Protein backbone atom coordinates (compact mmCIF):
# COMPACT_ATOMS: atom_id res chain seq x y z
CA UNK A 1 -7.48 18.76 5.26
CA UNK A 2 -4.04 20.01 5.78
CA UNK A 3 -1.72 17.09 6.72
CA UNK A 4 -0.85 18.95 10.00
CA UNK A 5 -4.17 18.34 11.63
CA UNK A 6 -4.24 14.93 13.55
CA UNK A 7 -6.00 11.88 12.82
CA UNK A 8 -7.46 12.50 16.42
CA UNK A 9 -9.47 15.43 14.97
CA UNK A 10 -11.10 13.40 12.44
CA UNK A 11 -11.84 10.51 14.77
CA UNK A 12 -13.48 12.84 17.31
CA UNK A 13 -15.49 14.21 14.51
CA UNK A 14 -16.56 10.74 13.45
CA UNK A 15 -17.71 9.75 17.01
CA UNK A 16 -20.15 12.82 17.19
CA UNK A 17 -22.68 10.50 15.83
CA UNK A 18 -24.53 9.58 18.66
CA UNK A 19 -27.76 8.02 17.49
CA UNK A 20 -26.40 7.54 14.06
CA UNK A 21 -28.03 4.36 13.65
CA UNK A 22 -31.44 6.13 13.26
CA UNK A 23 -30.13 8.75 10.73
CA UNK A 24 -30.71 8.40 7.15
CA UNK A 25 -27.36 7.53 5.25
CA UNK A 26 -25.46 10.28 3.35
CA UNK A 27 -26.23 9.57 -0.25
CA UNK A 28 -22.98 11.49 -1.33
CA UNK A 29 -21.11 8.91 0.79
CA UNK A 30 -22.94 5.87 -0.82
CA UNK A 31 -21.81 7.46 -4.33
CA UNK A 32 -18.12 7.73 -3.45
CA UNK A 33 -17.96 4.08 -1.77
CA UNK A 34 -19.97 2.89 -4.99
CA UNK A 35 -17.42 4.44 -7.21
CA UNK A 36 -14.72 3.04 -5.12
CA UNK A 37 -16.00 -0.60 -5.58
CA UNK A 38 -16.72 -0.14 -9.08
CA UNK A 39 -13.16 0.51 -9.73
CA UNK A 40 -12.31 -2.93 -8.22
CA UNK A 41 -14.95 -4.76 -9.96
CA UNK A 42 -13.58 -7.32 -12.51
CA UNK A 43 -10.28 -9.37 -12.90
CA UNK A 44 -7.24 -7.82 -11.06
CA UNK A 45 -5.25 -7.84 -14.14
CA UNK A 46 -7.58 -5.40 -15.90
CA UNK A 47 -6.90 -2.37 -13.27
CA UNK A 48 -4.65 0.27 -13.91
CA UNK A 49 -3.38 0.79 -10.31
CA UNK A 50 -1.74 4.13 -11.25
CA UNK A 51 -5.20 5.70 -12.34
CA UNK A 52 -6.96 3.94 -9.37
CA UNK A 53 -4.43 5.38 -6.77
CA UNK A 54 -5.29 8.78 -8.21
CA UNK A 55 -9.20 8.19 -8.09
CA UNK A 56 -8.64 6.66 -4.40
CA UNK A 57 -6.84 9.92 -3.23
CA UNK A 58 -9.77 12.02 -4.58
CA UNK A 59 -12.12 9.96 -2.83
CA UNK A 60 -10.20 10.22 0.60
CA UNK A 61 -10.02 14.00 0.07
CA UNK A 62 -13.98 14.10 -0.56
CA UNK A 63 -14.78 11.89 2.49
CA UNK A 64 -12.20 14.07 4.77
CA UNK A 65 -14.21 17.09 3.72
CA UNK A 66 -17.52 15.25 4.61
CA UNK A 67 -15.88 14.20 8.03
CA UNK A 68 -15.04 17.95 8.87
CA UNK A 69 -18.39 19.00 7.70
CA UNK A 70 -20.12 16.72 10.22
CA UNK A 71 -21.58 14.91 7.35
CA UNK A 72 -20.84 11.50 8.47
CA UNK A 73 -23.66 10.68 10.90
CA UNK A 74 -25.37 7.40 10.33
CA UNK A 75 -23.92 3.92 10.75
CA UNK A 76 -23.66 3.27 7.06
CA UNK A 77 -21.88 6.52 6.47
CA UNK A 78 -19.20 5.49 8.66
CA UNK A 79 -18.96 2.05 6.82
CA UNK A 80 -18.68 3.90 3.73
CA UNK A 81 -16.17 6.19 4.82
CA UNK A 82 -13.99 3.43 6.39
CA UNK A 83 -14.17 1.60 3.00
CA UNK A 84 -12.77 4.50 1.25
CA UNK A 85 -9.93 4.65 3.67
CA UNK A 86 -9.15 1.03 3.76
CA UNK A 87 -8.12 1.65 0.16
CA UNK A 88 -5.52 4.25 1.39
CA UNK A 89 -1.86 4.25 1.27
CA UNK A 90 -0.78 5.24 4.65
CA UNK A 91 -0.83 3.82 8.19
CA UNK A 92 -2.89 6.87 9.08
CA UNK A 93 -5.19 6.04 6.34
CA UNK A 94 -5.63 2.42 7.86
CA UNK A 95 -5.98 3.66 11.47
CA UNK A 96 -8.84 6.02 10.33
CA UNK A 97 -10.44 3.26 8.45
CA UNK A 98 -10.29 0.94 11.48
CA UNK A 99 -11.78 3.86 13.55
CA UNK A 100 -14.60 4.49 11.28
CA UNK A 101 -15.51 0.99 10.78
CA UNK A 102 -15.57 0.30 14.63
CA UNK A 103 -18.01 3.07 15.04
CA UNK A 104 -20.13 1.41 12.27
CA UNK A 105 -19.92 -2.06 14.03
CA UNK A 106 -20.68 -0.54 17.44
CA UNK A 107 -23.65 1.30 16.01
CA UNK A 108 -25.19 -1.58 14.00
CA UNK A 109 -23.81 -4.71 15.84
CA UNK A 110 -26.41 -6.91 14.51
CA UNK A 111 -24.75 -6.38 10.90
CA UNK A 112 -21.90 -8.53 9.96
CA UNK A 113 -20.22 -6.47 7.23
CA UNK A 114 -18.92 -3.82 9.52
CA UNK A 115 -17.37 -6.57 11.71
CA UNK A 116 -15.68 -8.14 8.80
CA UNK A 117 -14.58 -4.78 7.37
CA UNK A 118 -13.00 -4.03 10.80
CA UNK A 119 -11.05 -7.26 10.89
CA UNK A 120 -9.74 -6.42 7.25
CA UNK A 121 -8.82 -2.89 8.21
CA UNK A 122 -6.94 -4.28 11.24
CA UNK A 123 -4.95 -6.69 8.91
CA UNK A 124 -4.02 -4.04 6.60
CA UNK A 125 -2.93 -1.62 9.12
CA UNK A 126 -0.77 -4.44 10.89
CA UNK A 127 0.77 -5.37 7.50
CA UNK A 128 1.59 -1.80 6.71
CA UNK A 129 3.01 -1.38 10.12
CA UNK A 130 5.38 -4.38 9.18
CA UNK A 131 3.57 -6.87 11.33
CA UNK A 132 1.66 -10.00 10.58
CA UNK A 133 -1.99 -9.97 10.04
CA UNK A 134 -4.25 -11.54 12.58
CA UNK A 135 -7.65 -12.43 10.61
CA UNK A 136 -6.02 -13.75 7.35
CA UNK A 137 -8.04 -11.09 5.21
CA UNK A 138 -4.94 -9.97 3.15
CA UNK A 139 -3.51 -11.54 0.07
CA UNK A 140 -0.39 -10.79 -1.92
CA UNK A 141 1.15 -12.33 -5.29
CA UNK A 142 3.99 -14.70 -4.70
CA UNK A 143 7.37 -13.37 -6.23
CA UNK A 144 8.31 -16.98 -6.79
CA UNK A 145 5.19 -18.52 -8.21
CA UNK A 146 3.19 -15.51 -9.39
CA UNK A 147 0.21 -16.86 -7.64
CA UNK A 148 -1.80 -15.10 -4.94
CA UNK A 149 -1.25 -16.39 -1.32
CA UNK A 150 -2.29 -15.29 2.05
CA UNK A 151 -0.02 -12.52 3.52
CA UNK A 152 1.74 -13.48 6.72
CA UNK A 153 -0.42 -14.23 9.60
CA UNK A 154 0.33 -14.27 13.40
CA UNK A 155 -1.63 -17.45 14.05
CA UNK A 156 -1.61 -16.96 18.12
CA UNK A 157 -3.45 -13.55 17.94
CA UNK A 158 -6.95 -14.78 17.23
CA UNK A 159 -8.72 -18.18 16.81
CA UNK A 160 -11.00 -19.39 14.05
CA UNK A 161 -13.70 -18.90 16.30
CA UNK A 162 -13.01 -15.33 16.53
CA UNK A 163 -12.86 -15.19 12.71
CA UNK A 164 -16.09 -16.81 12.31
CA UNK A 165 -17.83 -14.42 14.81
CA UNK A 166 -16.60 -11.68 12.53
CA UNK A 167 -18.21 -13.36 9.61
CA UNK A 168 -14.65 -14.45 8.13
CA UNK A 169 -13.63 -17.77 7.01
CA UNK A 170 -11.26 -19.89 8.92
CA UNK A 171 -7.44 -19.38 8.44
CA UNK A 172 -7.35 -22.68 6.43
CA UNK A 173 -10.34 -21.72 4.18
CA UNK A 174 -8.46 -18.42 3.42
CA UNK A 175 -5.32 -20.31 2.39
CA UNK A 176 -7.23 -22.70 0.21
CA UNK A 177 -9.16 -19.81 -1.31
CA UNK A 178 -5.92 -17.91 -2.24
CA UNK A 179 -5.33 -20.00 -5.20
CA UNK A 180 -8.76 -18.99 -6.69
CA UNK A 181 -7.95 -15.26 -6.60
CA UNK A 182 -6.56 -14.04 -9.96
């Protein structure tokens, strides 16, 4: 998709999935999302982020094409598409990820995965916009210690009850778990 087209066009295409919960998921989207996750399997230290960025960009192109062609229809499709854009590079990528996963969560409210993914996409969007995250899903390596730590959090934005309702750990649990990340 040419960059001149607005994000709104993709979101409108995505929202045309009325009745999407009853449709069969698109196997191509499942493959793209599986490749996205496979690239992130294993220890962080073993990932070549330069190569990963190129593969991520290609996956975003593939998913944009599927969106343009109306091939993102089932709730799972929206979830898979959001997963790919959540690993994007721009604020626009994260906005699209949040929009797509919100649609997945609305279509299948009984599933906890899209709710947690929506929170994660929101946190990434906030951080990329220079603001603190709300849910505590994002981590970064400390320049001082070299260890992983929770990225900045606006502790007044949501409660631990809100986090639990999305299937996420409490803020303290996230802080405690940061040290276990490699």
